Amino acid sequence: MLRDAHWECEVLLLRERQDMEAIENSNYTVLVVDDDKDLNNTLRDALSEVGFNVLTNNSGLKGLETLRSGSRNVDVVLLDYSMPVVDGSQTLEYLTDRFPKVKTIGITGFNTAELPDDYRNKVGKLLTKPIMISDLVAAIHSVLGISVDTKKAGRTTHWMQARLRCI
């Protein structure tokens, strides 16, 4: 009986996912720069599920190297504030000077009032951990200037919530 319920749930999810137009997101590449490997993997998986191309790096230096190499055109960088060696502020300063067209979203576990003004004011959006994937997708769309069809957004949110219930 449990097996049948799980199968039915998977079928419903597949149908919901087919309705979702993730193709629109596939035109965009997101670079996640955070020293937390688990968070990188979680964000990569979640953003890939909704159609984004996702790259991850575990340091500001590696993130900047990815941008410099130009192996993929990066549209948005998700940038953690607190990282060893080169922190988010230092990475952001270099990023905005050398790659002005790349949009940035700051992510942090700190109270945002405790962050330096240069970081808070230079990122396009600022999100605090833990991050809701629906909020992250909305922030990415916002910094890219993509208007979101509320019906599609509702289906996306419904699909993500349903998937979490089925797992």
Foldseek 3Di string as FASTA:
>chain_A
DLVVVLVVLVVVLVVLLVVFDLCVQQVAEEEEEALDPVVLVVLCVLNVSSNHHYHYDNHLVVVVVCVVVPPDDHAEYEAEQDDPPQGRLNSLVVCCVPPVRHAYEYEYQDDVVPDDPSNVVRHQYYYYPPDDVLVVVVSSCVRVVHDDDVVSSVSVVVSVVSVVVSD
